[in-house]
C-alpha atoms as a PDB file:
ATOM      1  CA  MET A   1       6.711 -23.128  19.174  1.00  0.00           C
ATOM      2  CA  ARG A   2       8.266 -20.437  16.971  1.00  0.00           C
ATOM      3  CA  ASP A   3       5.716 -18.168  15.367  1.00  0.00           C
ATOM      4  CA  ALA A   4       8.106 -15.753  13.618  1.00  0.00           C
ATOM      5  CA  ARG A   5       6.496 -12.676  15.183  1.00  0.00           C
ATOM      6  CA  ILE A   6       8.612  -9.559  15.453  1.00  0.00           C
ATOM      7  CA  GLU A   7       7.785  -6.171  16.972  1.00  0.00           C
ATOM      8  CA  GLN A   8       9.177  -3.268  14.964  1.00  0.00           C
ATOM      9  CA  PRO A   9       8.844   0.506  14.867  1.00  0.00           C
ATOM     10  CA  PHE A  10       6.643   1.495  11.947  1.00  0.00           C
ATOM     11  CA  GLY A  11       4.944   4.778  11.164  1.00  0.00           C
ATOM     12  CA  ASP A  12       3.244   6.089  14.274  1.00  0.00           C
ATOM     13  CA  GLY A  13       4.205   3.318  16.702  1.00  0.00           C
ATOM     14  CA  THR A  14       5.542  -0.173  17.217  1.00  0.00           C
ATOM     15  CA  TYR A  15       3.633  -2.990  15.564  1.00  0.00           C
ATOM     16  CA  PRO A  16       3.714  -6.800  15.489  1.00  0.00           C
ATOM     17  CA  PHE A  17       4.619  -8.356  12.143  1.00  0.00           C
ATOM     18  CA  ARG A  18       4.324 -12.011  11.223  1.00  0.00           C
ATOM     19  CA  LEU A  19       4.253 -13.977   7.993  1.00  0.00           C
ATOM     20  CA  GLY A  20       2.377 -17.203   8.573  1.00  0.00           C
ATOM     21  CA  TYR A  21       1.678 -19.803   5.914  1.00  0.00           C
ATOM     22  CA  GLY A  22      -1.344 -17.915   4.547  1.00  0.00           C
ATOM     23  CA  GLN A  23       0.496 -14.622   4.332  1.00  0.00           C
ATOM     24  CA  ILE A  24       3.516 -16.224   2.659  1.00  0.00           C
ATOM     25  CA  THR A  25       1.218 -17.883   0.122  1.00  0.00           C
ATOM     26  CA  GLU A  26      -0.460 -14.557  -0.678  1.00  0.00           C
ATOM     27  CA  LEU A  27       2.888 -12.750  -0.713  1.00  0.00           C
ATOM     28  CA  GLN A  28       4.330 -15.072  -3.334  1.00  0.00           C
ATOM     29  CA  GLU A  29       1.238 -14.510  -5.492  1.00  0.00           C
ATOM     30  CA  LYS A  30       1.441 -10.711  -5.112  1.00  0.00           C
ATOM     31  CA  CYS A  31       5.196 -10.612  -5.769  1.00  0.00           C
ATOM     32  CA  ASP A  32       5.187 -13.372  -8.418  1.00  0.00           C
ATOM     33  CA  CYS A  33       7.997 -15.306  -6.759  1.00  0.00           C
ATOM     34  CA  GLY A  34       8.614 -17.749  -3.954  1.00  0.00           C
ATOM     35  CA  PRO A  35       9.638 -16.570  -0.493  1.00  0.00           C
ATOM     36  CA  MET A  36      13.324 -17.429  -0.887  1.00  0.00           C
ATOM     37  CA  ARG A  37      13.470 -15.524  -4.180  1.00  0.00           C
ATOM     38  CA  LEU A  38      11.796 -12.564  -2.483  1.00  0.00           C
ATOM     39  CA  LEU A  39      14.339 -12.716   0.342  1.00  0.00           C
ATOM     40  CA  SER A  40      17.124 -12.813  -2.239  1.00  0.00           C
ATOM     41  CA  ARG A  41      15.674  -9.822  -4.094  1.00  0.00           C
ATOM     42  CA  LEU A  42      15.433  -7.815  -0.892  1.00  0.00           C
ATOM     43  CA  GLN A  43      18.999  -8.740   0.123  1.00  0.00           C
ATOM     44  CA  SER A  44      20.536  -8.061  -3.281  1.00  0.00           C
ATOM     45  CA  GLY A  45      18.809  -4.757  -3.938  1.00  0.00           C
ATOM     46  CA  ASP A  46      16.926  -6.200  -6.926  1.00  0.00           C
ATOM     47  CA  TRP A  47      13.508  -5.659  -5.316  1.00  0.00           C
ATOM     48  CA  LYS A  48      10.350  -4.010  -6.563  1.00  0.00           C
ATOM     49  CA  ILE A  49       8.404  -1.446  -4.557  1.00  0.00           C
ATOM     50  CA  GLU A  50       5.452  -3.847  -4.325  1.00  0.00           C
ATOM     51  CA  ASP A  51       7.779  -6.351  -2.629  1.00  0.00           C
ATOM     52  CA  VAL A  52       8.120  -3.894   0.240  1.00  0.00           C
ATOM     53  CA  PHE A  53       4.486  -2.755   0.321  1.00  0.00           C
ATOM     54  CA  GLU A  54       2.970  -6.247   0.222  1.00  0.00           C
ATOM     55  CA  THR A  55       5.449  -7.625   2.757  1.00  0.00           C
ATOM     56  CA  VAL A  56       4.614  -4.885   5.249  1.00  0.00           C
ATOM     57  CA  ARG A  57       0.859  -5.114   4.622  1.00  0.00           C
ATOM     58  CA  LEU A  58       0.729  -8.892   4.960  1.00  0.00           C
ATOM     59  CA  GLY A  59       3.149  -8.824   7.897  1.00  0.00           C
ATOM     60  CA  LEU A  60       0.761  -6.491   9.735  1.00  0.00           C
ATOM     61  CA  ILE A  61      -2.171  -8.792   8.994  1.00  0.00           C
ATOM     62  CA  GLY A  62      -0.210 -11.817  10.205  1.00  0.00           C
ATOM     63  CA  GLY A  63       0.702  -9.840  13.306  1.00  0.00           C
ATOM     64  CA  GLY A  64      -2.972  -9.422  14.159  1.00  0.00           C
ATOM     65  CA  ILE A  65      -3.921  -6.109  12.548  1.00  0.00           C
ATOM     66  CA  GLU A  66      -7.277  -6.135  10.721  1.00  0.00           C
ATOM     67  CA  PRO A  67      -6.818  -6.213   6.919  1.00  0.00           C
ATOM     68  CA  LYS A  68      -8.479  -2.812   6.336  1.00  0.00           C
ATOM     69  CA  GLU A  69      -6.305  -1.186   9.001  1.00  0.00           C
ATOM     70  CA  ALA A  70      -3.187  -2.920   7.615  1.00  0.00           C
ATOM     71  CA  LEU A  71      -3.969  -1.566   4.142  1.00  0.00           C
ATOM     72  CA  LYS A  72      -4.471   1.923   5.574  1.00  0.00           C
ATOM     73  CA  LEU A  73      -1.212   1.799   7.579  1.00  0.00           C
ATOM     74  CA  ALA A  74       0.783   0.407   4.649  1.00  0.00           C
ATOM     75  CA  GLY A  75      -0.679   3.053   2.357  1.00  0.00           C
ATOM     76  CA  ARG A  76       0.184   5.857   4.753  1.00  0.00           C
ATOM     77  CA  TYR A  77       3.610   4.671   5.878  1.00  0.00           C
ATOM     78  CA  VAL A  78       4.879   2.764   2.835  1.00  0.00           C
ATOM     79  CA  LYS A  79       3.241   4.184  -0.310  1.00  0.00           C
ATOM     80  CA  ASP A  80       3.410   7.754   0.957  1.00  0.00           C
ATOM     81  CA  ARG A  81       7.072   7.487   2.025  1.00  0.00           C
ATOM     82  CA  PRO A  82      10.375   7.055   0.130  1.00  0.00           C
ATOM     83  CA  PRO A  83      10.734   3.398  -0.956  1.00  0.00           C
ATOM     84  CA  LEU A  84      14.085   2.844   0.778  1.00  0.00           C
ATOM     85  CA  GLU A  85      12.673   3.874   4.151  1.00  0.00           C
ATOM     86  CA  ASN A  86      10.779   0.581   4.638  1.00  0.00           C
ATOM     87  CA  HIS A  87      13.156  -1.757   2.841  1.00  0.00           C
ATOM     88  CA  PRO A  88      14.947  -2.850   6.073  1.00  0.00           C
ATOM     89  CA  LEU A  89      11.574  -3.577   7.696  1.00  0.00           C
ATOM     90  CA  ALA A  90      10.436  -5.707   4.760  1.00  0.00           C
ATOM     91  CA  LEU A  91      13.722  -7.619   4.845  1.00  0.00           C
ATOM     92  CA  ALA A  92      13.337  -8.271   8.589  1.00  0.00           C
ATOM     93  CA  ILE A  93       9.722  -9.446   8.155  1.00  0.00           C
ATOM     94  CA  VAL A  94      10.556 -11.895   5.357  1.00  0.00           C
ATOM     95  CA  PHE A  95      13.633 -13.212   7.162  1.00  0.00           C
ATOM     96  CA  ALA A  96      11.675 -13.760  10.392  1.00  0.00           C
ATOM     97  CA  GLY A  97       8.863 -15.419   8.452  1.00  0.00           C
ATOM     98  CA  LEU A  98      11.286 -17.928   6.959  1.00  0.00           C
ATOM     99  CA  ALA A  99      13.797 -18.440   9.765  1.00  0.00           C
ATOM    100  CA  GLY A 100      11.878 -17.425  12.905  1.00  0.00           C
ATOM    101  CA  ALA A 101      12.308 -14.321  14.985  1.00  0.00           C
ATOM    102  CA  PRO A 102      15.860 -13.730  16.239  1.00  0.00           C
ATOM    103  CA  ASP A 103      14.842 -13.848  19.921  1.00  0.00           C
ATOM    104  CA  GLU A 104      12.774 -17.059  19.654  1.00  0.00           C
ATOM    105  CA  THR A 105      14.254 -20.194  21.146  1.00  0.00           C
ATOM    106  CA  VAL A 106      14.247 -23.178  18.789  1.00  0.00           C
ATOM    107  CA  GLY A 107      11.979 -25.935  20.075  1.00  0.00           C
ATOM    108  CA  GLU A 108       9.832 -23.731  22.307  1.00  0.00           C
END
């Protein structure tokens, strides 16, 4: 089964990121758009800084990080950094959440 989990460098280490159904539902509420619209915004450059912050925060939670720790990490390594620095990570998290991780085999 594909779970859309990716491991990516972030801040002080490498972390698991995953957007499951619950995280995608919360993400669309926080970003006021559906997941495909969010993906389109991130791809086109028409994104908001909260799109990046919330994607990273919720991706950490979906990856197994406790919500308080995810908020702390996202605050330190997203809010306290230049916005463009984490844009590629947010794009990768949303894409994996919708299409599956690139190294997952379909049907497994």
